[in-house]
Amino acid sequence: MSETKIRIRDNGPFLVEGPVTLEDSEGNSYTIDKPTIALCRCGESDNKPFCDGKHKHCGFTSQERANAT
């Protein structure tokens, strides 16, 4: 089985690489058949939960770093 990796992009989306199943708040599951998906963090995407690039124009900033706790 392939490994799933999530990369945090400065001022941009979460990039999810590898096999993933997305489940919405109603419990509906969707298997994503793409090598990489981008999940919106700015809240402005017209294609939520996926990123459509609006973070580049809405002033979204975030430079989070992974914190091993």
PDB file of N, CA and C in Angstrom:
ATOM      1  N   MET A   1       0.845  -1.191   0.000  1.00  0.00           N
ATOM      2  CA  MET A   1       0.000   0.000   0.000  1.00  0.00           C
ATOM      3  C   MET A   1       0.882   1.242   0.000  1.00  0.00           C
ATOM      4  N   SER A   2       0.507   2.216  -0.791  1.00  0.00           N
ATOM      5  CA  SER A   2       1.268   3.453  -0.878  1.00  0.00           C
ATOM      6  C   SER A   2       1.070   4.312   0.355  1.00  0.00           C
ATOM      7  N   GLU A   3       2.032   5.156   0.604  1.00  0.00           N
ATOM      8  CA  GLU A   3       1.992   6.061   1.746  1.00  0.00           C
ATOM      9  C   GLU A   3       1.260   7.342   1.376  1.00  0.00           C
ATOM     10  N   THR A   4       0.494   7.884   2.313  1.00  0.00           N
ATOM     11  CA  THR A   4      -0.160   9.170   2.130  1.00  0.00           C
ATOM     12  C   THR A   4       0.665  10.232   2.833  1.00  0.00           C
ATOM     13  N   LYS A   5       0.885  11.352   2.156  1.00  0.00           N
ATOM     14  CA  LYS A   5       1.705  12.435   2.697  1.00  0.00           C
ATOM     15  C   LYS A   5       0.917  13.734   2.571  1.00  0.00           C
ATOM     16  N   ILE A   6       0.945  14.568   3.613  1.00  0.00           N
ATOM     17  CA  ILE A   6       0.294  15.885   3.586  1.00  0.00           C
ATOM     18  C   ILE A   6       1.378  16.942   3.715  1.00  0.00           C
ATOM     19  N   ARG A   7       1.429  17.848   2.723  1.00  0.00           N
ATOM     20  CA  ARG A   7       2.393  18.946   2.758  1.00  0.00           C
ATOM     21  C   ARG A   7       1.642  20.251   2.983  1.00  0.00           C
ATOM     22  N   ILE A   8       2.142  21.058   3.901  1.00  0.00           N
ATOM     23  CA  ILE A   8       1.548  22.366   4.200  1.00  0.00           C
ATOM     24  C   ILE A   8       2.271  23.402   3.352  1.00  0.00           C
ATOM     25  N   ARG A   9       1.539  24.081   2.500  1.00  0.00           N
ATOM     26  CA  ARG A   9       2.129  25.119   1.653  1.00  0.00           C
ATOM     27  C   ARG A   9       1.981  26.472   2.332  1.00  0.00           C
ATOM     28  N   ASP A  10       3.092  27.220   2.454  1.00  0.00           N
ATOM     29  CA  ASP A  10       3.004  28.567   3.002  1.00  0.00           C
ATOM     30  C   ASP A  10       2.005  29.384   2.196  1.00  0.00           C
ATOM     31  N   ASN A  11       1.088  30.023   2.892  1.00  0.00           N
ATOM     32  CA  ASN A  11       0.085  30.902   2.290  1.00  0.00           C
ATOM     33  C   ASN A  11      -0.771  30.200   1.238  1.00  0.00           C
ATOM     34  N   GLY A  12      -0.911  28.887   1.353  1.00  0.00           N
ATOM     35  CA  GLY A  12      -1.670  28.142   0.362  1.00  0.00           C
ATOM     36  C   GLY A  12      -2.333  26.913   0.951  1.00  0.00           C
ATOM     37  N   PRO A  13      -2.640  25.943   0.107  1.00  0.00           N
ATOM     38  CA  PRO A  13      -3.435  24.777   0.521  1.00  0.00           C
ATOM     39  C   PRO A  13      -2.615  23.702   1.218  1.00  0.00           C
ATOM     40  N   PHE A  14      -3.325  22.708   1.735  1.00  0.00           N
ATOM     41  CA  PHE A  14      -2.714  21.452   2.142  1.00  0.00           C
ATOM     42  C   PHE A  14      -2.651  20.586   0.892  1.00  0.00           C
ATOM     43  N   LEU A  15      -1.486  20.056   0.557  1.00  0.00           N
ATOM     44  CA  LEU A  15      -1.354  19.133  -0.563  1.00  0.00           C
ATOM     45  C   LEU A  15      -1.346  17.720  -0.009  1.00  0.00           C
ATOM     46  N   VAL A  16      -2.276  16.899  -0.460  1.00  0.00           N
ATOM     47  CA  VAL A  16      -2.400  15.519   0.002  1.00  0.00           C
ATOM     48  C   VAL A  16      -1.972  14.621  -1.139  1.00  0.00           C
ATOM     49  N   GLU A  17      -0.913  13.855  -0.906  1.00  0.00           N
ATOM     50  CA  GLU A  17      -0.360  12.969  -1.931  1.00  0.00           C
ATOM     51  C   GLU A  17      -0.591  11.527  -1.521  1.00  0.00           C
ATOM     52  N   GLY A  18      -1.011  10.719  -2.448  1.00  0.00           N
ATOM     53  CA  GLY A  18      -1.204   9.303  -2.166  1.00  0.00           C
ATOM     54  C   GLY A  18      -2.675   8.960  -2.050  1.00  0.00           C
ATOM     55  N   PRO A  19      -2.954   7.710  -1.718  1.00  0.00           N
ATOM     56  CA  PRO A  19      -4.350   7.273  -1.639  1.00  0.00           C
ATOM     57  C   PRO A  19      -5.074   7.955  -0.478  1.00  0.00           C
ATOM     58  N   VAL A  20      -6.295   8.404  -0.752  1.00  0.00           N
ATOM     59  CA  VAL A  20      -7.061   9.088   0.298  1.00  0.00           C
ATOM     60  C   VAL A  20      -8.555   8.875   0.052  1.00  0.00           C
ATOM     61  N   THR A  21      -9.284   8.747   1.152  1.00  0.00           N
ATOM     62  CA  THR A  21     -10.737   8.729   1.118  1.00  0.00           C
ATOM     63  C   THR A  21     -11.210   9.966   1.861  1.00  0.00           C
ATOM     64  N   LEU A  22     -12.047  10.754   1.228  1.00  0.00           N
ATOM     65  CA  LEU A  22     -12.574  11.982   1.816  1.00  0.00           C
ATOM     66  C   LEU A  22     -13.982  11.696   2.318  1.00  0.00           C
ATOM     67  N   GLU A  23     -14.266  12.062   3.568  1.00  0.00           N
ATOM     68  CA  GLU A  23     -15.593  11.847   4.144  1.00  0.00           C
ATOM     69  C   GLU A  23     -16.176  13.186   4.558  1.00  0.00           C
ATOM     70  N   ASP A  24     -17.407  13.479   4.112  1.00  0.00           N
ATOM     71  CA  ASP A  24     -18.038  14.744   4.470  1.00  0.00           C
ATOM     72  C   ASP A  24     -18.748  14.636   5.822  1.00  0.00           C
ATOM     73  N   SER A  25     -19.350  15.721   6.258  1.00  0.00           N
ATOM     74  CA  SER A  25     -19.974  15.773   7.583  1.00  0.00           C
ATOM     75  C   SER A  25     -21.203  14.879   7.710  1.00  0.00           C
ATOM     76  N   GLU A  26     -21.737  14.414   6.580  1.00  0.00           N
ATOM     77  CA  GLU A  26     -22.881  13.504   6.608  1.00  0.00           C
ATOM     78  C   GLU A  26     -22.449  12.043   6.528  1.00  0.00           C
ATOM     79  N   GLY A  27     -21.132  11.810   6.477  1.00  0.00           N
ATOM     80  CA  GLY A  27     -20.624  10.444   6.427  1.00  0.00           C
ATOM     81  C   GLY A  27     -20.486   9.871   5.032  1.00  0.00           C
ATOM     82  N   ASN A  28     -20.717  10.690   4.013  1.00  0.00           N
ATOM     83  CA  ASN A  28     -20.534  10.237   2.632  1.00  0.00           C
ATOM     84  C   ASN A  28     -19.046  10.161   2.320  1.00  0.00           C
ATOM     85  N   SER A  29     -18.584   9.013   1.822  1.00  0.00           N
ATOM     86  CA  SER A  29     -17.171   8.811   1.524  1.00  0.00           C
ATOM     87  C   SER A  29     -16.915   8.855   0.029  1.00  0.00           C
ATOM     88  N   TYR A  30     -15.784   9.455  -0.324  1.00  0.00           N
ATOM     89  CA  TYR A  30     -15.376   9.556  -1.718  1.00  0.00           C
ATOM     90  C   TYR A  30     -13.913   9.149  -1.813  1.00  0.00           C
ATOM     91  N   THR A  31     -13.621   8.185  -2.663  1.00  0.00           N
ATOM     92  CA  THR A  31     -12.241   7.799  -2.906  1.00  0.00           C
ATOM     93  C   THR A  31     -11.685   8.723  -3.972  1.00  0.00           C
ATOM     94  N   ILE A  32     -10.590   9.370  -3.665  1.00  0.00           N
ATOM     95  CA  ILE A  32      -9.971  10.308  -4.599  1.00  0.00           C
ATOM     96  C   ILE A  32      -8.961   9.542  -5.439  1.00  0.00           C
ATOM     97  N   ASP A  33      -9.155   9.557  -6.748  1.00  0.00           N
ATOM     98  CA  ASP A  33      -8.305   8.817  -7.663  1.00  0.00           C
ATOM     99  C   ASP A  33      -7.382   9.771  -8.421  1.00  0.00           C
ATOM    100  N   LYS A  34      -6.607  10.548  -7.672  1.00  0.00           N
ATOM    101  CA  LYS A  34      -5.633  11.474  -8.245  1.00  0.00           C
ATOM    102  C   LYS A  34      -4.345  11.325  -7.446  1.00  0.00           C
ATOM    103  N   PRO A  35      -3.191  11.584  -8.042  1.00  0.00           N
ATOM    104  CA  PRO A  35      -1.947  11.449  -7.288  1.00  0.00           C
ATOM    105  C   PRO A  35      -1.814  12.500  -6.185  1.00  0.00           C
ATOM    106  N   THR A  36      -2.367  13.701  -6.408  1.00  0.00           N
ATOM    107  CA  THR A  36      -2.286  14.789  -5.422  1.00  0.00           C
ATOM    108  C   THR A  36      -3.568  15.604  -5.469  1.00  0.00           C
ATOM    109  N   ILE A  37      -4.077  15.976  -4.283  1.00  0.00           N
ATOM    110  CA  ILE A  37      -5.194  16.919  -4.212  1.00  0.00           C
ATOM    111  C   ILE A  37      -4.769  18.088  -3.330  1.00  0.00           C
ATOM    112  N   ALA A  38      -5.367  19.242  -3.558  1.00  0.00           N
ATOM    113  CA  ALA A  38      -5.092  20.441  -2.773  1.00  0.00           C
ATOM    114  C   ALA A  38      -6.363  20.810  -2.024  1.00  0.00           C
ATOM    115  N   LEU A  39      -6.253  20.878  -0.694  1.00  0.00           N
ATOM    116  CA  LEU A  39      -7.397  21.232   0.149  1.00  0.00           C
ATOM    117  C   LEU A  39      -7.311  22.697   0.558  1.00  0.00           C
ATOM    118  N   CYS A  40      -8.413  23.418   0.383  1.00  0.00           N
ATOM    119  CA  CYS A  40      -8.489  24.846   0.681  1.00  0.00           C
ATOM    120  C   CYS A  40      -8.282  25.113   2.168  1.00  0.00           C
ATOM    121  N   ARG A  41      -7.504  26.151   2.476  1.00  0.00           N
ATOM    122  CA  ARG A  41      -7.373  26.619   3.859  1.00  0.00           C
ATOM    123  C   ARG A  41      -7.880  28.042   4.026  1.00  0.00           C
ATOM    124  N   CYS A  42      -8.028  28.795   2.931  1.00  0.00           N
ATOM    125  CA  CYS A  42      -8.407  30.203   3.054  1.00  0.00           C
ATOM    126  C   CYS A  42      -9.908  30.396   3.220  1.00  0.00           C
ATOM    127  N   GLY A  43     -10.697  29.402   2.808  1.00  0.00           N
ATOM    128  CA  GLY A  43     -12.151  29.500   2.917  1.00  0.00           C
ATOM    129  C   GLY A  43     -12.825  30.204   1.760  1.00  0.00           C
ATOM    130  N   GLU A  44     -12.076  30.633   0.771  1.00  0.00           N
ATOM    131  CA  GLU A  44     -12.639  31.399  -0.341  1.00  0.00           C
ATOM    132  C   GLU A  44     -12.885  30.579  -1.610  1.00  0.00           C
ATOM    133  N   SER A  45     -12.461  29.344  -1.655  1.00  0.00           N
ATOM    134  CA  SER A  45     -12.599  28.526  -2.856  1.00  0.00           C
ATOM    135  C   SER A  45     -14.056  28.341  -3.252  1.00  0.00           C
ATOM    136  N   ASP A  46     -14.321  28.383  -4.543  1.00  0.00           N
ATOM    137  CA  ASP A  46     -15.654  28.080  -5.064  1.00  0.00           C
ATOM    138  C   ASP A  46     -15.846  26.576  -5.239  1.00  0.00           C
ATOM    139  N   ASN A  47     -14.803  25.802  -4.953  1.00  0.00           N
ATOM    140  CA  ASN A  47     -14.836  24.354  -5.133  1.00  0.00           C
ATOM    141  C   ASN A  47     -14.455  23.634  -3.838  1.00  0.00           C
ATOM    142  N   LYS A  48     -14.905  24.177  -2.699  1.00  0.00           N
ATOM    143  CA  LYS A  48     -14.568  23.580  -1.409  1.00  0.00           C
ATOM    144  C   LYS A  48     -14.978  22.121  -1.350  1.00  0.00           C
ATOM    145  N   PRO A  49     -14.209  21.276  -0.739  1.00  0.00           N
ATOM    146  CA  PRO A  49     -13.050  21.552   0.098  1.00  0.00           C
ATOM    147  C   PRO A  49     -11.756  21.660  -0.690  1.00  0.00           C
ATOM    148  N   PHE A  50     -11.843  21.681  -2.016  1.00  0.00           N
ATOM    149  CA  PHE A  50     -10.636  21.724  -2.834  1.00  0.00           C
ATOM    150  C   PHE A  50     -10.224  23.165  -3.115  1.00  0.00           C
ATOM    151  N   CYS A  51      -8.934  23.358  -3.255  1.00  0.00           N
ATOM    152  CA  CYS A  51      -8.365  24.684  -3.529  1.00  0.00           C
ATOM    153  C   CYS A  51      -8.581  25.049  -4.995  1.00  0.00           C
ATOM    154  N   ASP A  52      -8.948  26.305  -5.250  1.00  0.00           N
ATOM    155  CA  ASP A  52      -9.050  26.783  -6.631  1.00  0.00           C
ATOM    156  C   ASP A  52      -8.134  27.989  -6.880  1.00  0.00           C
ATOM    157  N   GLY A  53      -7.215  28.249  -5.950  1.00  0.00           N
ATOM    158  CA  GLY A  53      -6.239  29.323  -6.125  1.00  0.00           C
ATOM    159  C   GLY A  53      -6.657  30.673  -5.580  1.00  0.00           C
ATOM    160  N   LYS A  54      -7.828  30.790  -4.999  1.00  0.00           N
ATOM    161  CA  LYS A  54      -8.306  32.089  -4.502  1.00  0.00           C
ATOM    162  C   LYS A  54      -7.425  32.653  -3.378  1.00  0.00           C
ATOM    163  N   HIS A  55      -6.668  31.776  -2.690  1.00  0.00           N
ATOM    164  CA  HIS A  55      -5.798  32.238  -1.611  1.00  0.00           C
ATOM    165  C   HIS A  55      -4.782  33.270  -2.120  1.00  0.00           C
ATOM    166  N   LYS A  56      -4.484  33.239  -3.395  1.00  0.00           N
ATOM    167  CA  LYS A  56      -3.511  34.169  -3.974  1.00  0.00           C
ATOM    168  C   LYS A  56      -4.043  35.592  -4.041  1.00  0.00           C
ATOM    169  N   HIS A  57      -5.369  35.756  -3.987  1.00  0.00           N
ATOM    170  CA  HIS A  57      -5.975  37.071  -4.188  1.00  0.00           C
ATOM    171  C   HIS A  57      -6.794  37.576  -3.004  1.00  0.00           C
ATOM    172  N   CYS A  58      -6.954  36.757  -1.957  1.00  0.00           N
ATOM    173  CA  CYS A  58      -7.826  37.172  -0.846  1.00  0.00           C
ATOM    174  C   CYS A  58      -7.050  37.631   0.386  1.00  0.00           C
ATOM    175  N   GLY A  59      -5.728  37.628   0.307  1.00  0.00           N
ATOM    176  CA  GLY A  59      -4.936  38.084   1.438  1.00  0.00           C
ATOM    177  C   GLY A  59      -4.661  37.008   2.475  1.00  0.00           C
ATOM    178  N   PHE A  60      -4.917  35.755   2.155  1.00  0.00           N
ATOM    179  CA  PHE A  60      -4.677  34.663   3.103  1.00  0.00           C
ATOM    180  C   PHE A  60      -3.182  34.510   3.367  1.00  0.00           C
ATOM    181  N   THR A  61      -2.830  34.444   4.637  1.00  0.00           N
ATOM    182  CA  THR A  61      -1.447  34.174   5.014  1.00  0.00           C
ATOM    183  C   THR A  61      -1.419  33.137   6.121  1.00  0.00           C
ATOM    184  N   SER A  62      -0.488  32.229   6.016  1.00  0.00           N
ATOM    185  CA  SER A  62      -0.275  31.215   7.041  1.00  0.00           C
ATOM    186  C   SER A  62       1.049  30.532   6.747  1.00  0.00           C
ATOM    187  N   GLN A  63       1.883  30.437   7.740  1.00  0.00           N
ATOM    188  CA  GLN A  63       3.169  29.760   7.599  1.00  0.00           C
ATOM    189  C   GLN A  63       3.338  28.788   8.752  1.00  0.00           C
ATOM    190  N   GLU A  64       2.370  27.871   8.862  1.00  0.00           N
ATOM    191  CA  GLU A  64       2.388  26.890   9.946  1.00  0.00           C
ATOM    192  C   GLU A  64       3.537  25.911   9.761  1.00  0.00           C
ATOM    193  N   ARG A  65       4.041  25.424  10.896  1.00  0.00           N
ATOM    194  CA  ARG A  65       5.077  24.422  10.890  1.00  0.00           C
ATOM    195  C   ARG A  65       4.598  23.236  11.715  1.00  0.00           C
ATOM    196  N   ALA A  66       5.023  22.050  11.323  1.00  0.00           N
ATOM    197  CA  ALA A  66       4.655  20.851  12.064  1.00  0.00           C
ATOM    198  C   ALA A  66       5.278  20.927  13.455  1.00  0.00           C
ATOM    199  N   ASN A  67       4.501  20.518  14.451  1.00  0.00           N
ATOM    200  CA  ASN A  67       4.949  20.558  15.831  1.00  0.00           C
ATOM    201  C   ASN A  67       4.819  19.154  16.417  1.00  0.00           C
ATOM    202  N   ALA A  68       5.927  18.524  16.655  1.00  0.00           N
ATOM    203  CA  ALA A  68       5.897  17.185  17.236  1.00  0.00           C
ATOM    204  C   ALA A  68       5.617  17.302  18.727  1.00  0.00           C
ATOM    205  N   THR A  69       4.447  16.832  19.138  1.00  0.00           N
ATOM    206  CA  THR A  69       4.099  16.906  20.563  1.00  0.00           C
ATOM    207  C   THR A  69       3.929  15.545  21.148  1.00  0.00           C
TER     208      THR A  69
END
